[in-house]
Amino acid sequence: MPALALEIATYEAELPHLLAEAAESYVLIKGERVEGVFAEREDALLQGYLRFPDEDFLVRKIQAHQPVRNMPLLFARG
């Protein structure tokens, strides 16, 4: 399973409830569990690092449509 696949699926499953309760806030998700909702992204990240220091977790802004971000590929020559 790809990294964070479970957390992304949890976000998508919880999205209708999250939008109704806390749109434009930030959610912290670990596995199938919503660990908290925060007004600031930095607060959600801090709690994630404190609770899961050596594990993956997801912090995402609660919004109906996630923006698409294009990132350039960098190739190293050695």
N, C-alpha and C. Protein backbone atom coordinates (compact mmCIF):
# COMPACT_ATOMS: atom_id res chain seq x y z
N MET A 1 0.85 -1.19 0.00
CA MET A 1 0.00 0.00 0.00
C MET A 1 0.90 1.24 0.00
N PRO A 2 0.61 2.22 -0.86
CA PRO A 2 1.42 3.45 -0.89
C PRO A 2 1.37 4.19 0.45
N ALA A 3 2.41 4.95 0.71
CA ALA A 3 2.48 5.74 1.94
C ALA A 3 1.26 6.66 2.03
N LEU A 4 0.68 6.70 3.19
CA LEU A 4 -0.46 7.56 3.52
C LEU A 4 -1.76 7.19 2.80
N ALA A 5 -1.81 6.06 2.12
CA ALA A 5 -3.03 5.66 1.41
C ALA A 5 -4.20 5.50 2.37
N LEU A 6 -3.95 4.90 3.53
CA LEU A 6 -5.01 4.72 4.52
C LEU A 6 -5.49 6.06 5.06
N GLU A 7 -4.55 6.96 5.33
CA GLU A 7 -4.91 8.28 5.84
C GLU A 7 -5.70 9.09 4.81
N ILE A 8 -5.31 8.99 3.55
CA ILE A 8 -6.04 9.70 2.49
C ILE A 8 -7.44 9.14 2.35
N ALA A 9 -7.58 7.82 2.41
CA ALA A 9 -8.91 7.20 2.34
C ALA A 9 -9.76 7.64 3.53
N THR A 10 -9.16 7.74 4.70
CA THR A 10 -9.88 8.19 5.89
C THR A 10 -10.34 9.63 5.71
N TYR A 11 -9.46 10.48 5.19
CA TYR A 11 -9.83 11.87 4.93
C TYR A 11 -11.03 11.95 3.99
N GLU A 12 -10.97 11.20 2.91
CA GLU A 12 -12.06 11.23 1.93
C GLU A 12 -13.36 10.72 2.53
N ALA A 13 -13.28 9.68 3.36
CA ALA A 13 -14.49 9.14 3.99
C ALA A 13 -15.08 10.12 5.01
N GLU A 14 -14.23 10.85 5.70
CA GLU A 14 -14.67 11.78 6.74
C GLU A 14 -14.98 13.18 6.21
N LEU A 15 -14.64 13.44 4.95
CA LEU A 15 -14.75 14.79 4.41
C LEU A 15 -16.12 15.42 4.56
N PRO A 16 -17.23 14.74 4.26
CA PRO A 16 -18.54 15.42 4.44
C PRO A 16 -18.75 15.93 5.87
N HIS A 17 -18.40 15.11 6.85
CA HIS A 17 -18.53 15.52 8.25
C HIS A 17 -17.56 16.66 8.58
N LEU A 18 -16.33 16.54 8.12
CA LEU A 18 -15.34 17.58 8.40
C LEU A 18 -15.73 18.91 7.77
N LEU A 19 -16.26 18.87 6.55
CA LEU A 19 -16.70 20.11 5.90
C LEU A 19 -17.83 20.77 6.67
N ALA A 20 -18.75 19.97 7.17
CA ALA A 20 -19.89 20.51 7.91
C ALA A 20 -19.47 21.11 9.25
N GLU A 21 -18.45 20.52 9.87
CA GLU A 21 -18.05 20.93 11.21
C GLU A 21 -16.88 21.90 11.26
N ALA A 22 -15.96 21.82 10.29
CA ALA A 22 -14.71 22.58 10.45
C ALA A 22 -14.06 22.95 9.11
N ALA A 23 -14.84 23.36 8.14
CA ALA A 23 -14.28 23.73 6.84
C ALA A 23 -13.21 24.80 7.00
N GLU A 24 -12.16 24.68 6.20
CA GLU A 24 -11.02 25.60 6.16
C GLU A 24 -10.09 25.46 7.37
N SER A 25 -10.34 24.50 8.25
CA SER A 25 -9.40 24.18 9.32
C SER A 25 -8.47 23.09 8.82
N TYR A 26 -7.64 22.57 9.70
CA TYR A 26 -6.68 21.52 9.33
C TYR A 26 -6.95 20.28 10.18
N VAL A 27 -6.90 19.12 9.53
CA VAL A 27 -7.18 17.87 10.22
C VAL A 27 -5.89 17.05 10.30
N LEU A 28 -5.71 16.39 11.44
CA LEU A 28 -4.60 15.47 11.67
C LEU A 28 -5.17 14.07 11.66
N ILE A 29 -4.66 13.22 10.77
CA ILE A 29 -5.17 11.86 10.62
C ILE A 29 -4.00 10.88 10.72
N LYS A 30 -4.23 9.82 11.51
CA LYS A 30 -3.28 8.72 11.63
C LYS A 30 -4.06 7.44 11.42
N GLY A 31 -3.73 6.71 10.36
CA GLY A 31 -4.45 5.48 10.05
C GLY A 31 -5.90 5.79 9.72
N GLU A 32 -6.81 5.12 10.39
CA GLU A 32 -8.24 5.32 10.16
C GLU A 32 -8.87 6.27 11.17
N ARG A 33 -8.04 7.01 11.88
CA ARG A 33 -8.55 7.84 12.98
C ARG A 33 -8.23 9.32 12.76
N VAL A 34 -9.26 10.15 12.94
CA VAL A 34 -9.07 11.60 12.97
C VAL A 34 -8.57 11.93 14.37
N GLU A 35 -7.35 12.42 14.45
CA GLU A 35 -6.73 12.71 15.74
C GLU A 35 -7.05 14.10 16.27
N GLY A 36 -7.46 14.99 15.38
CA GLY A 36 -7.81 16.33 15.84
C GLY A 36 -8.01 17.27 14.68
N VAL A 37 -8.65 18.39 14.98
CA VAL A 37 -8.89 19.46 14.01
C VAL A 37 -8.32 20.73 14.62
N PHE A 38 -7.59 21.49 13.81
CA PHE A 38 -6.86 22.65 14.30
C PHE A 38 -7.09 23.85 13.39
N ALA A 39 -7.10 25.04 13.99
CA ALA A 39 -7.29 26.26 13.21
C ALA A 39 -6.07 26.57 12.36
N GLU A 40 -4.89 26.22 12.85
CA GLU A 40 -3.64 26.53 12.16
C GLU A 40 -2.91 25.27 11.73
N ARG A 41 -2.35 25.29 10.54
CA ARG A 41 -1.59 24.15 10.01
C ARG A 41 -0.42 23.79 10.92
N GLU A 42 0.27 24.81 11.42
CA GLU A 42 1.43 24.58 12.28
C GLU A 42 1.05 23.82 13.54
N ASP A 43 -0.11 24.10 14.10
CA ASP A 43 -0.56 23.39 15.31
C ASP A 43 -0.84 21.92 15.01
N ALA A 44 -1.45 21.66 13.86
CA ALA A 44 -1.73 20.27 13.47
C ALA A 44 -0.42 19.51 13.24
N LEU A 45 0.53 20.14 12.57
CA LEU A 45 1.83 19.51 12.33
C LEU A 45 2.56 19.24 13.65
N LEU A 46 2.56 20.22 14.54
CA LEU A 46 3.23 20.06 15.83
C LEU A 46 2.65 18.88 16.60
N GLN A 47 1.34 18.79 16.65
CA GLN A 47 0.71 17.66 17.35
C GLN A 47 1.05 16.34 16.68
N GLY A 48 1.10 16.33 15.36
CA GLY A 48 1.49 15.11 14.65
C GLY A 48 2.90 14.68 15.01
N TYR A 49 3.83 15.63 15.02
CA TYR A 49 5.22 15.30 15.36
C TYR A 49 5.35 14.86 16.82
N LEU A 50 4.58 15.46 17.71
CA LEU A 50 4.64 15.08 19.13
C LEU A 50 4.03 13.70 19.36
N ARG A 51 2.91 13.41 18.72
CA ARG A 51 2.21 12.14 18.94
C ARG A 51 2.82 10.98 18.17
N PHE A 52 3.36 11.26 17.00
CA PHE A 52 3.86 10.20 16.10
C PHE A 52 5.27 10.57 15.60
N PRO A 53 6.24 10.66 16.49
CA PRO A 53 7.55 11.18 16.10
C PRO A 53 8.27 10.38 15.02
N ASP A 54 8.04 9.09 14.95
CA ASP A 54 8.75 8.25 13.97
C ASP A 54 7.79 7.56 13.01
N GLU A 55 6.60 8.13 12.84
CA GLU A 55 5.59 7.50 12.00
C GLU A 55 5.00 8.53 11.02
N ASP A 56 4.43 8.00 9.94
CA ASP A 56 3.74 8.87 8.98
C ASP A 56 2.39 9.28 9.53
N PHE A 57 1.97 10.49 9.21
CA PHE A 57 0.64 10.98 9.52
C PHE A 57 0.28 12.00 8.45
N LEU A 58 -1.00 12.33 8.38
CA LEU A 58 -1.49 13.26 7.37
C LEU A 58 -2.05 14.51 8.03
N VAL A 59 -1.64 15.67 7.53
CA VAL A 59 -2.27 16.94 7.88
C VAL A 59 -2.76 17.53 6.58
N ARG A 60 -4.04 17.86 6.55
CA ARG A 60 -4.61 18.38 5.31
C ARG A 60 -5.64 19.46 5.66
N LYS A 61 -5.70 20.47 4.81
CA LYS A 61 -6.72 21.51 4.95
C LYS A 61 -8.07 20.92 4.57
N ILE A 62 -9.07 21.23 5.35
CA ILE A 62 -10.41 20.70 5.10
C ILE A 62 -11.10 21.60 4.08
N GLN A 63 -11.21 21.09 2.86
CA GLN A 63 -11.87 21.84 1.79
C GLN A 63 -12.43 20.85 0.78
N ALA A 64 -13.46 21.29 0.08
CA ALA A 64 -14.17 20.40 -0.84
C ALA A 64 -13.29 19.94 -1.99
N HIS A 65 -12.43 20.80 -2.48
CA HIS A 65 -11.56 20.47 -3.60
C HIS A 65 -10.12 20.77 -3.23
N GLN A 66 -9.27 19.78 -3.35
CA GLN A 66 -7.85 19.96 -3.07
C GLN A 66 -7.19 20.57 -4.31
N PRO A 67 -6.36 21.60 -4.11
CA PRO A 67 -5.68 22.20 -5.26
C PRO A 67 -4.67 21.21 -5.85
N VAL A 68 -4.49 21.30 -7.14
CA VAL A 68 -3.49 20.49 -7.82
C VAL A 68 -2.18 21.27 -7.79
N ARG A 69 -1.14 20.61 -7.35
CA ARG A 69 0.17 21.26 -7.29
C ARG A 69 1.11 20.54 -8.24
N ASN A 70 1.63 21.27 -9.17
CA ASN A 70 2.61 20.72 -10.10
C ASN A 70 4.01 21.00 -9.57
N MET A 71 4.81 19.94 -9.49
CA MET A 71 6.17 20.09 -9.00
C MET A 71 7.12 19.61 -10.09
N PRO A 72 8.13 20.38 -10.39
CA PRO A 72 9.06 19.96 -11.43
C PRO A 72 9.90 18.77 -10.96
N LEU A 73 10.25 17.94 -11.90
CA LEU A 73 11.14 16.83 -11.62
C LEU A 73 12.58 17.33 -11.76
N LEU A 74 13.40 16.96 -10.80
CA LEU A 74 14.81 17.34 -10.84
C LEU A 74 15.64 16.10 -11.08
N PHE A 75 16.52 16.17 -12.00
CA PHE A 75 17.38 15.03 -12.31
C PHE A 75 18.82 15.41 -11.94
N ALA A 76 19.43 14.57 -11.15
CA ALA A 76 20.81 14.80 -10.76
C ALA A 76 21.74 14.07 -11.73
N ARG A 77 22.78 14.72 -12.07
CA ARG A 77 23.80 14.08 -12.92
C ARG A 77 25.02 13.82 -12.05
N GLY A 78 25.50 12.62 -12.15
CA GLY A 78 26.63 12.29 -11.29
C GLY A 78 27.86 11.89 -12.01
